[in-house]
PDB file of N, CA and C in Angstrom:
ATOM      1  N   MET A   1       0.734  -1.090   0.063  1.00  0.00           N
ATOM      2  CA  MET A   1      -0.094  -0.038  -0.125  1.00  0.00           C
ATOM      3  C   MET A   1       0.923   1.171  -0.057  1.00  0.00           C
ATOM      4  N   GLU A   2       1.976   1.424   0.912  1.00  0.00           N
ATOM      5  CA  GLU A   2       2.765   2.482   0.897  1.00  0.00           C
ATOM      6  C   GLU A   2       3.630   2.665  -0.408  1.00  0.00           C
ATOM      7  N   HIS A   3       3.941   1.454  -1.001  1.00  0.00           N
ATOM      8  CA  HIS A   3       4.477   1.769  -2.152  1.00  0.00           C
ATOM      9  C   HIS A   3       3.719   2.361  -3.317  1.00  0.00           C
ATOM     10  N   ASP A   4       2.340   2.002  -3.285  1.00  0.00           N
ATOM     11  CA  ASP A   4       1.518   2.705  -4.106  1.00  0.00           C
ATOM     12  C   ASP A   4       1.156   3.976  -4.026  1.00  0.00           C
ATOM     13  N   ASP A   5       1.193   4.452  -2.771  1.00  0.00           N
ATOM     14  CA  ASP A   5       1.108   5.887  -2.460  1.00  0.00           C
ATOM     15  C   ASP A   5       2.371   6.626  -3.192  1.00  0.00           C
ATOM     16  N   MET A   6       3.456   6.007  -2.760  1.00  0.00           N
ATOM     17  CA  MET A   6       4.686   6.629  -3.562  1.00  0.00           C
ATOM     18  C   MET A   6       4.900   6.833  -4.933  1.00  0.00           C
ATOM     19  N   THR A   7       4.230   5.880  -5.602  1.00  0.00           N
ATOM     20  CA  THR A   7       4.079   5.760  -7.118  1.00  0.00           C
ATOM     21  C   THR A   7       3.124   6.811  -7.471  1.00  0.00           C
ATOM     22  N   LYS A   8       2.046   6.996  -6.711  1.00  0.00           N
ATOM     23  CA  LYS A   8       1.066   8.214  -7.233  1.00  0.00           C
ATOM     24  C   LYS A   8       1.733   9.447  -7.076  1.00  0.00           C
ATOM     25  N   LYS A   9       2.436   9.676  -5.914  1.00  0.00           N
ATOM     26  CA  LYS A   9       2.997  10.805  -5.527  1.00  0.00           C
ATOM     27  C   LYS A   9       4.034  11.290  -6.638  1.00  0.00           C
ATOM     28  N   LYS A  10       4.760  10.387  -6.883  1.00  0.00           N
ATOM     29  CA  LYS A  10       5.841  10.377  -8.081  1.00  0.00           C
ATOM     30  C   LYS A  10       5.298  10.773  -9.264  1.00  0.00           C
ATOM     31  N   GLY A  11       4.364   9.966  -9.625  1.00  0.00           N
ATOM     32  CA  GLY A  11       3.712  10.341 -10.917  1.00  0.00           C
ATOM     33  C   GLY A  11       3.021  11.776 -10.908  1.00  0.00           C
ATOM     34  N   GLY A  12       2.410  12.029  -9.933  1.00  0.00           N
ATOM     35  CA  GLY A  12       1.984  13.376  -9.895  1.00  0.00           C
ATOM     36  C   GLY A  12       2.995  14.458 -10.069  1.00  0.00           C
ATOM     37  N   GLU A  13       4.180  14.261  -9.618  1.00  0.00           N
ATOM     38  CA  GLU A  13       5.307  15.256  -9.482  1.00  0.00           C
ATOM     39  C   GLU A  13       5.855  15.224 -10.818  1.00  0.00           C
ATOM     40  N   LEU A  14       5.773  14.050 -11.549  1.00  0.00           N
ATOM     41  CA  LEU A  14       6.252  13.775 -12.872  1.00  0.00           C
ATOM     42  C   LEU A  14       5.538  14.581 -13.813  1.00  0.00           C
ATOM     43  N   GLU A  15       4.152  14.319 -13.634  1.00  0.00           N
ATOM     44  CA  GLU A  15       3.107  15.181 -14.634  1.00  0.00           C
ATOM     45  C   GLU A  15       3.051  16.603 -14.575  1.00  0.00           C
ATOM     46  N   ILE A  16       3.449  17.151 -13.145  1.00  0.00           N
ATOM     47  CA  ILE A  16       3.573  18.591 -13.090  1.00  0.00           C
ATOM     48  C   ILE A  16       4.814  19.152 -14.020  1.00  0.00           C
ATOM     49  N   ILE A  17       6.108  18.402 -13.737  1.00  0.00           N
ATOM     50  CA  ILE A  17       7.233  18.760 -14.457  1.00  0.00           C
ATOM     51  C   ILE A  17       6.820  18.698 -16.084  1.00  0.00           C
ATOM     52  N   ALA A  18       6.324  17.657 -16.416  1.00  0.00           N
ATOM     53  CA  ALA A  18       6.092  17.330 -17.795  1.00  0.00           C
ATOM     54  C   ALA A  18       5.091  18.645 -18.225  1.00  0.00           C
ATOM     55  N   ARG A  19       3.944  19.144 -17.455  1.00  0.00           N
ATOM     56  CA  ARG A  19       3.329  20.233 -17.912  1.00  0.00           C
ATOM     57  C   ARG A  19       4.149  21.344 -17.950  1.00  0.00           C
ATOM     58  N   GLN A  20       5.225  21.604 -17.102  1.00  0.00           N
ATOM     59  CA  GLN A  20       6.060  22.797 -16.860  1.00  0.00           C
ATOM     60  C   GLN A  20       6.842  22.847 -18.345  1.00  0.00           C
ATOM     61  N   PHE A  21       7.225  21.702 -18.620  1.00  0.00           N
ATOM     62  CA  PHE A  21       8.265  21.784 -19.862  1.00  0.00           C
ATOM     63  C   PHE A  21       7.038  21.854 -21.176  1.00  0.00           C
ATOM     64  N   GLY A  22       5.985  21.466 -21.123  1.00  0.00           N
ATOM     65  CA  GLY A  22       5.031  21.605 -22.355  1.00  0.00           C
ATOM     66  C   GLY A  22       4.639  23.328 -22.416  1.00  0.00           C
ATOM     67  N   PHE A  23       4.306  23.848 -21.212  1.00  0.00           N
ATOM     68  CA  PHE A  23       4.047  25.119 -21.165  1.00  0.00           C
ATOM     69  C   PHE A  23       5.354  26.160 -21.681  1.00  0.00           C
ATOM     70  N   ALA A  24       6.602  25.768 -21.140  1.00  0.00           N
ATOM     71  CA  ALA A  24       7.545  26.563 -21.690  1.00  0.00           C
ATOM     72  C   ALA A  24       7.804  26.508 -23.196  1.00  0.00           C
ATOM     73  N   ARG A  25       7.545  25.189 -23.762  1.00  0.00           N
ATOM     74  CA  ARG A  25       7.842  24.877 -25.258  1.00  0.00           C
ATOM     75  C   ARG A  25       6.625  25.782 -25.912  1.00  0.00           C
ATOM     76  N   ASP A  26       5.478  25.794 -25.405  1.00  0.00           N
ATOM     77  CA  ASP A  26       4.299  26.542 -26.115  1.00  0.00           C
ATOM     78  C   ASP A  26       4.490  27.942 -26.052  1.00  0.00           C
ATOM     79  N   GLN A  27       5.250  28.515 -24.926  1.00  0.00           N
ATOM     80  CA  GLN A  27       5.224  29.875 -24.754  1.00  0.00           C
ATOM     81  C   GLN A  27       6.372  30.397 -25.657  1.00  0.00           C
ATOM     82  N   LEU A  28       7.512  29.875 -25.726  1.00  0.00           N
ATOM     83  CA  LEU A  28       8.751  29.965 -26.435  1.00  0.00           C
ATOM     84  C   LEU A  28       8.238  29.922 -27.857  1.00  0.00           C
ATOM     85  N   SER A  29       7.439  29.075 -28.381  1.00  0.00           N
ATOM     86  CA  SER A  29       7.008  28.952 -29.728  1.00  0.00           C
ATOM     87  C   SER A  29       6.112  30.101 -30.112  1.00  0.00           C
ATOM     88  N   ALA A  30       5.223  30.505 -29.072  1.00  0.00           N
ATOM     89  CA  ALA A  30       4.422  31.923 -29.546  1.00  0.00           C
ATOM     90  C   ALA A  30       5.235  32.900 -29.602  1.00  0.00           C
ATOM     91  N   VAL A  31       6.621  33.117 -28.668  1.00  0.00           N
ATOM     92  CA  VAL A  31       7.159  34.273 -28.783  1.00  0.00           C
ATOM     93  C   VAL A  31       7.975  34.258 -30.261  1.00  0.00           C
ATOM     94  N   ALA A  32       8.375  33.098 -30.534  1.00  0.00           N
ATOM     95  CA  ALA A  32       9.091  32.986 -31.737  1.00  0.00           C
ATOM     96  C   ALA A  32       8.191  33.331 -33.001  1.00  0.00           C
ATOM     97  N   ASP A  33       6.997  33.020 -32.993  1.00  0.00           N
ATOM     98  CA  ASP A  33       5.945  33.343 -33.823  1.00  0.00           C
ATOM     99  C   ASP A  33       5.902  34.924 -33.995  1.00  0.00           C
ATOM    100  N   ARG A  34       5.778  35.468 -32.891  1.00  0.00           N
ATOM    101  CA  ARG A  34       5.609  37.129 -33.016  1.00  0.00           C
ATOM    102  C   ARG A  34       6.794  37.633 -33.185  1.00  0.00           C
ATOM    103  N   MET A  35       8.004  37.063 -32.964  1.00  0.00           N
ATOM    104  CA  MET A  35       9.111  37.684 -33.531  1.00  0.00           C
ATOM    105  C   MET A  35       9.497  37.821 -35.085  1.00  0.00           C
ATOM    106  N   GLU A  36       8.868  36.458 -35.489  1.00  0.00           N
ATOM    107  CA  GLU A  36       9.064  36.378 -37.012  1.00  0.00           C
ATOM    108  C   GLU A  36       8.030  37.189 -37.630  1.00  0.00           C
ATOM    109  N   ARG A  37       6.887  37.551 -37.125  1.00  0.00           N
ATOM    110  CA  ARG A  37       5.935  38.389 -37.752  1.00  0.00           C
ATOM    111  C   ARG A  37       6.587  39.708 -37.649  1.00  0.00           C
ATOM    112  N   ALA A  38       7.241  40.182 -36.612  1.00  0.00           N
ATOM    113  CA  ALA A  38       7.859  41.503 -36.624  1.00  0.00           C
ATOM    114  C   ALA A  38       9.055  41.740 -37.362  1.00  0.00           C
ATOM    115  N   GLY A  39       9.373  40.804 -38.106  1.00  0.00           N
ATOM    116  CA  GLY A  39      10.603  40.761 -38.790  1.00  0.00           C
ATOM    117  C   GLY A  39      12.168  40.390 -38.403  1.00  0.00           C
ATOM    118  N   PHE A  40      12.042  39.597 -37.182  1.00  0.00           N
ATOM    119  CA  PHE A  40      13.090  39.206 -36.716  1.00  0.00           C
ATOM    120  C   PHE A  40      13.350  37.439 -36.772  1.00  0.00           C
ATOM    121  N   GLY A  41      13.486  37.179 -38.105  1.00  0.00           N
ATOM    122  CA  GLY A  41      13.391  35.771 -38.481  1.00  0.00           C
ATOM    123  C   GLY A  41      14.664  35.146 -37.748  1.00  0.00           C
ATOM    124  N   ASP A  42      15.833  35.692 -37.767  1.00  0.00           N
ATOM    125  CA  ASP A  42      16.946  34.769 -37.224  1.00  0.00           C
ATOM    126  C   ASP A  42      16.671  34.740 -35.852  1.00  0.00           C
ATOM    127  N   LEU A  43      16.390  35.728 -35.224  1.00  0.00           N
ATOM    128  CA  LEU A  43      15.984  35.650 -33.657  1.00  0.00           C
ATOM    129  C   LEU A  43      14.911  34.617 -33.271  1.00  0.00           C
ATOM    130  N   ALA A  44      13.943  34.615 -34.376  1.00  0.00           N
ATOM    131  CA  ALA A  44      12.853  33.754 -34.023  1.00  0.00           C
ATOM    132  C   ALA A  44      13.254  32.106 -34.281  1.00  0.00           C
ATOM    133  N   GLY A  45      14.185  31.808 -34.969  1.00  0.00           N
ATOM    134  CA  GLY A  45      14.990  30.582 -35.141  1.00  0.00           C
ATOM    135  C   GLY A  45      15.430  30.172 -34.041  1.00  0.00           C
ATOM    136  N   GLU A  46      16.198  30.878 -33.391  1.00  0.00           N
ATOM    137  CA  GLU A  46      16.811  30.942 -31.940  1.00  0.00           C
ATOM    138  C   GLU A  46      15.849  30.571 -30.948  1.00  0.00           C
ATOM    139  N   VAL A  47      14.805  31.284 -31.077  1.00  0.00           N
ATOM    140  CA  VAL A  47      13.925  30.808 -29.887  1.00  0.00           C
ATOM    141  C   VAL A  47      13.214  29.677 -30.100  1.00  0.00           C
ATOM    142  N   ARG A  48      13.010  29.172 -31.434  1.00  0.00           N
ATOM    143  CA  ARG A  48      12.362  28.050 -31.546  1.00  0.00           C
ATOM    144  C   ARG A  48      13.288  26.966 -31.247  1.00  0.00           C
ATOM    145  N   LEU A  49      14.533  27.104 -31.286  1.00  0.00           N
ATOM    146  CA  LEU A  49      15.632  25.976 -31.000  1.00  0.00           C
ATOM    147  C   LEU A  49      15.262  25.907 -29.487  1.00  0.00           C
ATOM    148  N   LEU A  50      15.245  26.875 -28.659  1.00  0.00           N
ATOM    149  CA  LEU A  50      15.027  26.848 -27.412  1.00  0.00           C
ATOM    150  C   LEU A  50      13.735  25.996 -26.886  1.00  0.00           C
ATOM    151  N   ALA A  51      12.484  26.340 -27.628  1.00  0.00           N
ATOM    152  CA  ALA A  51      11.228  25.528 -27.681  1.00  0.00           C
ATOM    153  C   ALA A  51      11.817  24.109 -27.808  1.00  0.00           C
ATOM    154  N   GLY A  52      12.468  23.850 -28.784  1.00  0.00           N
ATOM    155  CA  GLY A  52      12.650  22.354 -28.938  1.00  0.00           C
ATOM    156  C   GLY A  52      13.644  21.654 -27.833  1.00  0.00           C
ATOM    157  N   SER A  53      14.442  22.431 -27.267  1.00  0.00           N
ATOM    158  CA  SER A  53      15.171  21.862 -26.138  1.00  0.00           C
ATOM    159  C   SER A  53      14.177  21.681 -24.991  1.00  0.00           C
ATOM    160  N   ALA A  54      13.241  22.297 -24.804  1.00  0.00           N
ATOM    161  CA  ALA A  54      12.312  22.103 -23.783  1.00  0.00           C
ATOM    162  C   ALA A  54      11.767  20.623 -24.025  1.00  0.00           C
ATOM    163  N   GLN A  55      11.270  20.446 -25.100  1.00  0.00           N
ATOM    164  CA  GLN A  55      10.799  18.986 -25.692  1.00  0.00           C
ATOM    165  C   GLN A  55      11.801  17.932 -25.229  1.00  0.00           C
ATOM    166  N   PHE A  56      13.146  18.345 -25.795  1.00  0.00           N
ATOM    167  CA  PHE A  56      14.186  17.330 -25.377  1.00  0.00           C
ATOM    168  C   PHE A  56      14.362  16.854 -24.157  1.00  0.00           C
ATOM    169  N   PHE A  57      14.634  18.045 -23.275  1.00  0.00           N
ATOM    170  CA  PHE A  57      14.589  17.798 -22.007  1.00  0.00           C
ATOM    171  C   PHE A  57      13.666  17.001 -21.127  1.00  0.00           C
ATOM    172  N   LEU A  58      12.387  17.377 -21.582  1.00  0.00           N
ATOM    173  CA  LEU A  58      11.359  16.369 -21.249  1.00  0.00           C
ATOM    174  C   LEU A  58      11.609  15.085 -21.359  1.00  0.00           C
ATOM    175  N   GLY A  59      11.720  14.790 -22.757  1.00  0.00           N
ATOM    176  CA  GLY A  59      12.059  13.227 -23.280  1.00  0.00           C
ATOM    177  C   GLY A  59      13.333  12.613 -22.502  1.00  0.00           C
ATOM    178  N   GLU A  60      14.274  13.259 -22.104  1.00  0.00           N
ATOM    179  CA  GLU A  60      15.323  12.913 -21.434  1.00  0.00           C
ATOM    180  C   GLU A  60      14.954  12.587 -19.901  1.00  0.00           C
ATOM    181  N   PHE A  61      14.115  13.619 -19.612  1.00  0.00           N
ATOM    182  CA  PHE A  61      13.927  13.350 -18.144  1.00  0.00           C
ATOM    183  C   PHE A  61      12.953  12.106 -17.931  1.00  0.00           C
ATOM    184  N   GLU A  62      11.999  12.082 -18.664  1.00  0.00           N
ATOM    185  CA  GLU A  62      11.156  10.915 -18.644  1.00  0.00           C
ATOM    186  C   GLU A  62      11.834   9.337 -19.095  1.00  0.00           C
ATOM    187  N   ARG A  63      12.777   9.471 -19.764  1.00  0.00           N
ATOM    188  CA  ARG A  63      13.566   8.236 -20.186  1.00  0.00           C
ATOM    189  C   ARG A  63      14.517   7.846 -19.105  1.00  0.00           C
ATOM    190  N   GLU A  64      14.878   8.902 -18.211  1.00  0.00           N
ATOM    191  CA  GLU A  64      15.826   8.524 -17.105  1.00  0.00           C
ATOM    192  C   GLU A  64      14.990   7.906 -16.011  1.00  0.00           C
ATOM    193  N   ARG A  65      13.692   8.222 -16.146  1.00  0.00           N
ATOM    194  CA  ARG A  65      12.763   7.662 -15.071  1.00  0.00           C
ATOM    195  C   ARG A  65      12.010   6.616 -15.513  1.00  0.00           C
ATOM    196  N   GLY A  66      12.183   6.344 -16.701  1.00  0.00           N
ATOM    197  CA  GLY A  66      11.620   4.890 -17.250  1.00  0.00           C
ATOM    198  C   GLY A  66      10.013   5.290 -17.475  1.00  0.00           C
ATOM    199  N   ASN A  67       9.709   6.417 -17.848  1.00  0.00           N
ATOM    200  CA  ASN A  67       8.144   6.928 -17.886  1.00  0.00           C
ATOM    201  C   ASN A  67       7.966   7.105 -19.515  1.00  0.00           C
ATOM    202  N   ALA A  68       6.594   6.741 -19.888  1.00  0.00           N
ATOM    203  CA  ALA A  68       6.199   7.144 -21.244  1.00  0.00           C
ATOM    204  C   ALA A  68       6.148   8.725 -21.307  1.00  0.00           C
ATOM    205  N   PRO A  69       6.133   9.165 -22.626  1.00  0.00           N
ATOM    206  CA  PRO A  69       5.992  10.663 -22.637  1.00  0.00           C
ATOM    207  C   PRO A  69       4.695  11.205 -22.139  1.00  0.00           C
ATOM    208  N   THR A  70       4.432  12.245 -21.701  1.00  0.00           N
ATOM    209  CA  THR A  70       3.011  12.528 -21.294  1.00  0.00           C
ATOM    210  C   THR A  70       2.851  13.983 -21.875  1.00  0.00           C
ATOM    211  N   VAL A  71       3.634  14.751 -22.675  1.00  0.00           N
ATOM    212  CA  VAL A  71       3.379  15.684 -23.417  1.00  0.00           C
ATOM    213  C   VAL A  71       3.517  15.475 -25.008  1.00  0.00           C
ATOM    214  N   GLU A  72       2.391  15.961 -25.591  1.00  0.00           N
ATOM    215  CA  GLU A  72       2.702  15.812 -27.168  1.00  0.00           C
ATOM    216  C   GLU A  72       3.747  16.665 -27.661  1.00  0.00           C
ATOM    217  N   ALA A  73       4.367  16.242 -28.944  1.00  0.00           N
ATOM    218  CA  ALA A  73       5.220  16.902 -29.386  1.00  0.00           C
ATOM    219  C   ALA A  73       4.764  17.964 -30.352  1.00  0.00           C
TER     220      ALA A  73
END
């Protein structure tokens, strides 16, 4: 029973972290879109790279803990 409670707690924390990575990715992508529309295409590309990094680190985080991905690419 105690092990099940720990798993649920861990899963909840992992889910929160996954949502934070997803939020960061979405916000950085939105900033990149606005920058591109404003004529800053090169900088927008750099921001998109950061957004991709958020997704990469989420995948690495989940791989290290043996969990399936929880945020869509």
